[in-house]
């Protein structure tokens, strides 16, 4: 019951940041349109414009400590320590994934900013064009995400000069343990750390289907959101995908990146996706081979479960 489905970790492209505590990037904000001219009439110089953005990274750390006598009395000291350490690996992976979706540095400056705060305003933000309103209100909503991963669009970062992923260091028995009242005892200690951030360098390559009401009046009701119609709409928001997905296979921007798109939802959304597929006899939800594994997909894009996506999101407007 304590382990969860954390498939997102298999998809993340990790890019070394250009700073120790953050990553600065440049993105294009406009392109020249040209100007119609007549004889004996000049045209002004023009140029494209760019802007800079910066995302921060967070440091997630923890210590695993077990009583030395307890470990030795277990019969297999190393196996006992490993069984304790595995729990930390699972817990920290869940924290990283939860922060990737919902991390908010204005609430907790030690975190990194997740995707939900980036895609949280339909009307006021430019990337609101890639937020689809599922119609839910209140605070019993969920989101269905389509993310196009690539080193040029959306990717995870790790500090310059370090290694990606979780690092573990065995401190042995040199770090003492202390009980609840401060008395010392001999203990074995393991230290864990992961430094990470998320960079939405090109916001056009992520789409959030937000405000999906998960109550009996929503997905379980008679006027439930048509998930597949909404997913088909989301596919058309990316500048370029493949012929089997959106049909948009070419743009005039020759440097348009090639991305790896993935759908993410929680178990509730996935359940109603299956229900609607059965009711409508939908042939687009099918079992595909993705990275050598059988994965359910929609229009050739894998649909993966992230248990960190919640059913208690407040409606965004």
Protein backbone atom coordinates (compact mmCIF):
# COMPACT_ATOMS: atom_id res chain seq x y z
CA UNK A 1 0.00 0.00 0.00
CA UNK A 2 2.97 2.32 0.51
CA UNK A 3 4.44 1.82 -2.95
CA UNK A 4 3.00 3.84 -5.81
CA UNK A 5 3.03 4.03 -9.57
CA UNK A 6 5.83 6.45 -10.42
CA UNK A 7 6.22 5.87 -14.14
CA UNK A 8 7.04 9.50 -14.82
CA UNK A 9 10.62 8.89 -13.67
CA UNK A 10 11.13 6.59 -16.67
CA UNK A 11 10.25 9.41 -19.10
CA UNK A 12 12.16 12.40 -17.73
CA UNK A 13 15.04 13.67 -19.88
CA UNK A 14 17.72 14.92 -17.46
CA UNK A 15 19.78 17.92 -18.59
CA UNK A 16 22.71 19.40 -16.70
CA UNK A 17 21.83 22.94 -15.65
CA UNK A 18 24.08 25.90 -16.39
CA UNK A 19 24.03 26.97 -12.72
CA UNK A 20 24.48 25.31 -9.35
CA UNK A 21 21.07 26.29 -8.01
CA UNK A 22 19.04 26.97 -11.14
CA UNK A 23 18.90 26.94 -14.92
CA UNK A 24 18.69 29.99 -17.17
CA UNK A 25 17.29 29.62 -20.67
CA UNK A 26 16.36 31.75 -23.65
CA UNK A 27 13.12 31.42 -25.61
CA UNK A 28 11.81 33.19 -28.69
CA UNK A 29 8.91 35.58 -28.18
CA UNK A 30 8.30 36.93 -31.68
CA UNK A 31 9.39 36.52 -35.29
CA UNK A 32 9.64 39.14 -38.07
CA UNK A 33 6.48 39.46 -40.14
CA UNK A 34 7.91 41.52 -42.99
CA UNK A 35 6.22 44.53 -44.61
CA UNK A 36 4.56 45.08 -47.94
CA UNK A 37 6.28 47.83 -49.96
CA UNK A 38 5.68 49.91 -53.05
CA UNK A 39 8.11 51.42 -55.54
CA UNK A 40 10.28 54.14 -54.09
CA UNK A 41 9.25 53.17 -50.58
CA UNK A 42 11.56 51.62 -48.02
CA UNK A 43 10.91 49.18 -45.21
CA UNK A 44 12.22 49.35 -41.67
CA UNK A 45 14.68 46.90 -40.20
CA UNK A 46 13.10 44.18 -38.09
CA UNK A 47 14.28 41.27 -35.99
CA UNK A 48 13.01 38.46 -33.87
CA UNK A 49 12.81 38.95 -30.12
CA UNK A 50 13.79 36.64 -27.29
CA UNK A 51 13.44 36.63 -23.55
CA UNK A 52 15.21 34.96 -20.67
CA UNK A 53 13.71 32.66 -18.12
CA UNK A 54 15.13 30.99 -15.04
CA UNK A 55 13.96 28.01 -13.01
CA UNK A 56 15.31 27.01 -9.63
CA UNK A 57 16.22 23.60 -8.28
CA UNK A 58 15.57 22.00 -4.92
CA UNK A 59 17.62 19.74 -2.65
CA UNK A 60 15.75 16.75 -1.23
CA UNK A 61 17.66 14.97 1.55
CA UNK A 62 17.03 12.36 4.21
CA UNK A 63 18.87 10.06 6.62
CA UNK A 64 18.18 6.40 7.28
CA UNK A 65 19.36 5.33 10.71
CA UNK A 66 18.96 1.96 12.42
CA UNK A 67 20.13 0.75 15.81
CA UNK A 68 23.40 -1.15 15.39
CA UNK A 69 22.37 -3.88 17.81
CA UNK A 70 19.05 -4.36 16.03
CA UNK A 71 20.78 -4.68 12.66
CA UNK A 72 23.31 -7.19 14.00
CA UNK A 73 20.66 -9.25 15.79
CA UNK A 74 18.62 -9.52 12.59
CA UNK A 75 21.03 -12.18 11.36
CA UNK A 76 21.96 -10.33 8.15
CA UNK A 77 23.08 -6.80 8.89
CA UNK A 78 23.38 -5.61 5.29
CA UNK A 79 20.06 -7.09 4.20
CA UNK A 80 18.30 -5.47 7.15
CA UNK A 81 19.82 -2.08 6.32
CA UNK A 82 18.85 -2.50 2.68
CA UNK A 83 15.23 -3.20 3.62
CA UNK A 84 15.16 0.08 5.54
CA UNK A 85 16.91 2.04 2.77
CA UNK A 86 14.46 0.85 0.10
CA UNK A 87 11.66 2.62 1.94
CA UNK A 88 13.58 5.89 1.64
CA UNK A 89 14.15 5.36 -2.08
CA UNK A 90 10.41 4.87 -2.61
CA UNK A 91 9.42 7.78 -0.40
CA UNK A 92 11.84 10.22 -1.99
CA UNK A 93 10.80 9.21 -5.52
CA UNK A 94 7.20 9.95 -4.57
CA UNK A 95 8.22 13.35 -3.19
CA UNK A 96 10.11 14.24 -6.38
CA UNK A 97 7.12 13.29 -8.53
CA UNK A 98 4.66 15.13 -6.28
CA UNK A 99 6.84 18.25 -6.47
CA UNK A 100 7.13 17.93 -10.24
CA UNK A 101 3.35 18.30 -10.46
CA UNK A 102 2.56 20.64 -7.57
CA UNK A 103 5.80 22.17 -6.23
CA UNK A 104 5.42 25.88 -5.53
CA UNK A 105 8.40 27.99 -4.49
CA UNK A 106 6.14 30.84 -3.35
CA UNK A 107 4.72 28.48 -0.72
CA UNK A 108 7.90 26.51 0.00
CA UNK A 109 11.07 28.22 -1.31
CA UNK A 110 13.13 25.05 -0.75
CA UNK A 111 11.18 23.19 -3.45
CA UNK A 112 11.37 23.61 -7.21
CA UNK A 113 8.43 24.95 -9.18
CA UNK A 114 6.21 22.20 -10.57
CA UNK A 115 4.14 22.14 -13.75
CA UNK A 116 0.77 22.95 -12.15
CA UNK A 117 1.84 26.46 -11.01
CA UNK A 118 3.13 27.11 -14.53
CA UNK A 119 -0.21 26.10 -16.05
CA UNK A 120 -2.61 27.65 -13.57
CA UNK A 121 -4.40 30.51 -15.34
CA UNK A 122 -6.61 30.09 -18.38
CA UNK A 123 -7.31 33.76 -18.99
CA UNK A 124 -4.35 35.73 -17.68
CA UNK A 125 -1.32 33.74 -18.85
CA UNK A 126 -0.06 33.23 -22.40
CA UNK A 127 0.24 29.51 -21.83
CA UNK A 128 -3.42 29.50 -20.86
CA UNK A 129 -3.92 28.55 -24.51
CA UNK A 130 -2.69 25.09 -23.52
CA UNK A 131 -5.08 24.69 -20.58
CA UNK A 132 -8.42 23.06 -21.37
CA UNK A 133 -11.23 23.68 -18.90
CA UNK A 134 -13.00 20.44 -17.99
CA UNK A 135 -15.90 22.36 -16.45
CA UNK A 136 -15.45 21.33 -12.83
CA UNK A 137 -15.79 23.76 -9.94
CA UNK A 138 -14.96 23.60 -6.25
CA UNK A 139 -12.03 21.51 -5.01
CA UNK A 140 -12.82 17.96 -6.17
CA UNK A 141 -11.07 18.15 -9.49
CA UNK A 142 -8.26 16.29 -11.25
CA UNK A 143 -6.04 17.03 -14.23
CA UNK A 144 -5.07 15.00 -17.26
CA UNK A 145 -1.71 15.98 -18.70
CA UNK A 146 -0.08 15.62 -22.10
CA UNK A 147 3.64 16.38 -21.90
CA UNK A 148 6.08 16.38 -24.79
CA UNK A 149 9.48 15.62 -23.29
CA UNK A 150 12.71 16.63 -25.00
CA UNK A 151 15.91 18.56 -24.18
CA UNK A 152 14.48 21.49 -26.18
CA UNK A 153 10.97 21.63 -24.75
CA UNK A 154 10.33 20.32 -21.22
CA UNK A 155 12.97 18.51 -19.21
CA UNK A 156 14.33 17.89 -15.72
CA UNK A 157 17.51 19.57 -14.53
CA UNK A 158 20.31 18.77 -12.12
CA UNK A 159 23.05 21.12 -10.86
CA UNK A 160 26.08 21.90 -12.99
CA UNK A 161 28.99 19.64 -12.20
CA UNK A 162 26.89 17.01 -10.40
CA UNK A 163 25.17 13.76 -11.35
CA UNK A 164 21.49 13.23 -12.11
CA UNK A 165 19.30 11.07 -9.94
CA UNK A 166 19.35 9.95 -6.35
CA UNK A 167 22.71 9.62 -4.60
CA UNK A 168 23.29 7.51 -1.50
CA UNK A 169 26.25 7.52 0.87
CA UNK A 170 26.88 4.89 3.55
CA UNK A 171 28.01 6.70 6.70
CA UNK A 172 28.61 3.41 8.52
CA UNK A 173 28.42 3.56 12.31
CA UNK A 174 30.35 6.78 12.83
CA UNK A 175 27.21 8.95 13.16
CA UNK A 176 25.57 8.36 16.54
CA UNK A 177 21.85 7.93 17.02
CA UNK A 178 19.81 9.67 19.70
CA UNK A 179 16.57 8.59 21.34
CA UNK A 180 13.58 10.80 22.09
CA UNK A 181 15.14 12.22 25.24
CA UNK A 182 18.56 12.85 23.70
CA UNK A 183 20.45 9.79 24.92
CA UNK A 184 23.03 8.44 22.48
CA UNK A 185 23.24 4.95 20.99
CA UNK A 186 25.31 3.29 18.27
CA UNK A 187 23.62 3.29 14.86
CA UNK A 188 24.21 2.68 11.16
CA UNK A 189 23.42 5.67 8.95
CA UNK A 190 22.74 6.14 5.24
CA UNK A 191 22.48 9.57 3.66
CA UNK A 192 20.27 10.25 0.62
CA UNK A 193 20.13 13.31 -1.61
CA UNK A 194 18.57 14.30 -4.92
CA UNK A 195 18.86 17.73 -6.50
CA UNK A 196 16.33 18.42 -9.22
CA UNK A 197 14.23 20.97 -11.05
CA UNK A 198 11.85 21.10 -14.00
CA UNK A 199 12.23 23.45 -16.96
CA UNK A 200 9.26 24.19 -19.25
CA UNK A 201 11.49 25.81 -21.85
CA UNK A 202 8.78 25.67 -24.53
CA UNK A 203 5.34 25.82 -22.90
CA UNK A 204 3.61 24.87 -26.14
CA UNK A 205 4.65 21.25 -25.59
CA UNK A 206 2.53 20.58 -22.53
CA UNK A 207 -1.22 20.62 -22.18
CA UNK A 208 -3.24 20.46 -18.97
CA UNK A 209 -6.84 19.29 -19.12
CA UNK A 210 -7.86 20.80 -15.80
CA UNK A 211 -11.04 21.01 -13.74
CA UNK A 212 -12.13 17.42 -14.35
CA UNK A 213 -14.84 16.85 -11.74
CA UNK A 214 -14.28 13.44 -10.14
CA UNK A 215 -17.46 13.42 -8.04
CA UNK A 216 -20.79 11.71 -8.73
CA UNK A 217 -21.93 14.91 -10.41
CA UNK A 218 -18.90 14.86 -12.69
CA UNK A 219 -17.32 11.81 -14.33
CA UNK A 220 -19.85 9.52 -12.65
CA UNK A 221 -22.79 11.70 -13.67
CA UNK A 222 -24.99 11.76 -16.77
CA UNK A 223 -23.22 14.80 -18.26
CA UNK A 224 -19.65 13.67 -17.73
CA UNK A 225 -16.78 15.29 -19.59
CA UNK A 226 -16.01 13.42 -22.83
CA UNK A 227 -12.41 12.51 -22.09
CA UNK A 228 -11.54 11.34 -25.59
CA UNK A 229 -12.99 14.40 -27.31
CA UNK A 230 -10.98 16.57 -24.94
CA UNK A 231 -7.82 14.53 -25.49
CA UNK A 232 -8.24 14.91 -29.25
CA UNK A 233 -8.45 18.67 -28.72
CA UNK A 234 -5.26 18.63 -26.64
CA UNK A 235 -3.34 16.85 -29.39
CA UNK A 236 -3.95 19.75 -31.75
CA UNK A 237 -2.38 22.27 -29.36
CA UNK A 238 1.18 21.01 -29.89
CA UNK A 239 2.95 22.76 -32.80
CA UNK A 240 3.99 19.40 -34.24
CA UNK A 241 3.43 15.73 -33.45
CA UNK A 242 3.08 12.71 -35.73
CA UNK A 243 0.66 11.59 -38.36
CA UNK A 244 -0.94 9.01 -36.08
CA UNK A 245 -1.50 11.52 -33.28
CA UNK A 246 -2.51 15.00 -34.42
CA UNK A 247 -1.82 14.76 -38.12
CA UNK A 248 0.40 17.84 -37.80
CA UNK A 249 3.75 16.53 -38.97
CA UNK A 250 5.45 19.63 -40.33
CA UNK A 251 5.93 23.27 -39.46
CA UNK A 252 7.83 26.00 -41.25
CA UNK A 253 10.17 26.34 -38.28
CA UNK A 254 12.97 24.01 -39.37
CA UNK A 255 14.32 23.75 -35.84
CA UNK A 256 11.01 22.57 -34.38
CA UNK A 257 12.03 19.88 -31.83
CA UNK A 258 11.12 16.22 -31.92
CA UNK A 259 9.37 15.32 -28.68
CA UNK A 260 8.30 12.18 -26.83
CA UNK A 261 4.66 12.77 -25.82
CA UNK A 262 3.10 10.96 -22.86
CA UNK A 263 -0.34 11.18 -21.22
CA UNK A 264 -0.45 11.24 -17.41
CA UNK A 265 -3.47 10.74 -15.18
CA UNK A 266 -4.38 9.22 -11.83
CA UNK A 267 -6.29 5.98 -11.33
CA UNK A 268 -9.68 7.70 -11.15
CA UNK A 269 -9.27 9.35 -14.54
CA UNK A 270 -7.90 6.15 -16.02
CA UNK A 271 -10.91 4.19 -14.69
CA UNK A 272 -13.39 6.53 -16.37
CA UNK A 273 -11.29 6.51 -19.51
CA UNK A 274 -11.79 2.75 -19.67
CA UNK A 275 -15.51 3.11 -18.91
CA UNK A 276 -16.03 5.66 -21.68
CA UNK A 277 -13.99 3.54 -24.09
CA UNK A 278 -16.25 0.54 -23.41
CA UNK A 279 -19.45 2.56 -23.66
CA UNK A 280 -18.47 4.22 -26.92
CA UNK A 281 -16.64 1.16 -28.26
CA UNK A 282 -13.65 3.43 -28.68
CA UNK A 283 -10.95 1.78 -30.77
CA UNK A 284 -8.32 4.46 -30.12
CA UNK A 285 -7.51 3.27 -26.60
CA UNK A 286 -5.35 0.24 -27.24
CA UNK A 287 -2.39 -1.71 -25.93
CA UNK A 288 0.87 -0.57 -27.50
CA UNK A 289 4.52 -1.42 -27.10
CA UNK A 290 6.40 1.46 -25.48
CA UNK A 291 10.12 1.09 -24.72
CA UNK A 292 9.74 -2.68 -24.85
CA UNK A 293 6.82 -2.75 -22.40
CA UNK A 294 3.09 -3.18 -23.01
CA UNK A 295 1.44 0.16 -22.21
CA UNK A 296 -2.10 1.36 -22.83
CA UNK A 297 -2.06 4.16 -25.39
CA UNK A 298 -4.32 6.67 -27.12
CA UNK A 299 -3.49 7.47 -30.74
CA UNK A 300 -0.08 5.93 -30.29
CA UNK A 301 0.77 7.97 -27.18
CA UNK A 302 1.18 5.98 -23.94
CA UNK A 303 -1.27 6.67 -21.12
CA UNK A 304 0.56 6.36 -17.81
CA UNK A 305 -0.62 6.52 -14.22
CA UNK A 306 0.87 8.96 -11.75
CA UNK A 307 -0.42 8.38 -8.24
CA UNK A 308 0.78 11.83 -7.25
CA UNK A 309 -1.89 13.50 -9.39
CA UNK A 310 -4.69 14.36 -6.98
CA UNK A 311 -8.48 14.38 -7.04
CA UNK A 312 -8.67 17.43 -4.76
CA UNK A 313 -7.39 20.18 -7.05
CA UNK A 314 -9.12 23.53 -6.77
CA UNK A 315 -10.70 24.74 -9.99
CA UNK A 316 -8.53 27.11 -12.02
CA UNK A 317 -10.09 29.94 -14.01
